[in-house]
């Protein structure tokens, strides 16, 4: 079938001055204004409205031959270009609704609606920037490989108060981020957080020395434990006795350094500690980790090449 022109505002599909006038009149009534304005006039009218001036007053003092001149004037006058963009889009959107006879917002409400939309946009943009900043901070705390000829031992502890249990997790990796070994250990009592961290440190050194490693960095996210090991503190408490075990195992190493990281940089060991609740006693994975933790190791490897 051959395409033909069709005027949707008449019964026979043919255009006439009468039907054209009726269409413009109805559109003007729907938009709640005296007449249907051009897009340029509506845009200018909003800029004036933001300064409590009328379109008539504005047009008598400022004239533009094209849209480019309008934008340049907005820049020179220091107007809010973001607000202008939202207003222009709102007017265009409302005119399209009117043309298809869909519910539309009255023109005198467009300015207020545009300001609300702009404020909502800025709030969401601020939230996105905050998320990016948080991700950036997390990336600065991610796992870092040890220097050449050293391995890094990450340890962590977890307390399961409801089950009256505790868990220990350890992972040993080389300078390339490859796993040399890992383990999870379940403890039959819910110890305090600092006590289970001290036990995790002792388990980490014992496990790694049994692998034949003699040069390493011991890294955890417990500030109290790492600080005590660095400074040689020996508090008169159960924790002090546990730290003595750590020092005893440290004598098996030719070189042993201590490093503190945040949870983001210790997530593999943390996951192994959490996994301990699902095992009977003690499990070891040589050159590997449990399958559900493998993705965290791969993520650490990917970060090394960024």
Foldseek 3Di string as FASTA:
>chain_A
DDDDQACVQDPVRDDDPVSVVVLQVQLCVLLVHPGDDDLVLLLVQLVVVVVPHGSVVSCVPDDDPDVVVVVVVCVVVVHDVQLSVLLSVLVVVQSVCSNVVHRHDHSVCSSVVSVVVSVVVVVVVVVVVVVVVVVVVLLVQAAAADDAPAKEKEKAKAFDVVQQKIKIKIWIGHNLLFTQKIKMFIGNGGDDRLQRRLLNLLVRLVVVVVVVAAHYEYEYADPVLLVCLVVVDQDPDPSSVSNVSNVVSNVSHPYYHYYYGHCNHRVLRVVRRVCNVVDDGMDMDGRDDPPVSVVVSVVSSVSVVD
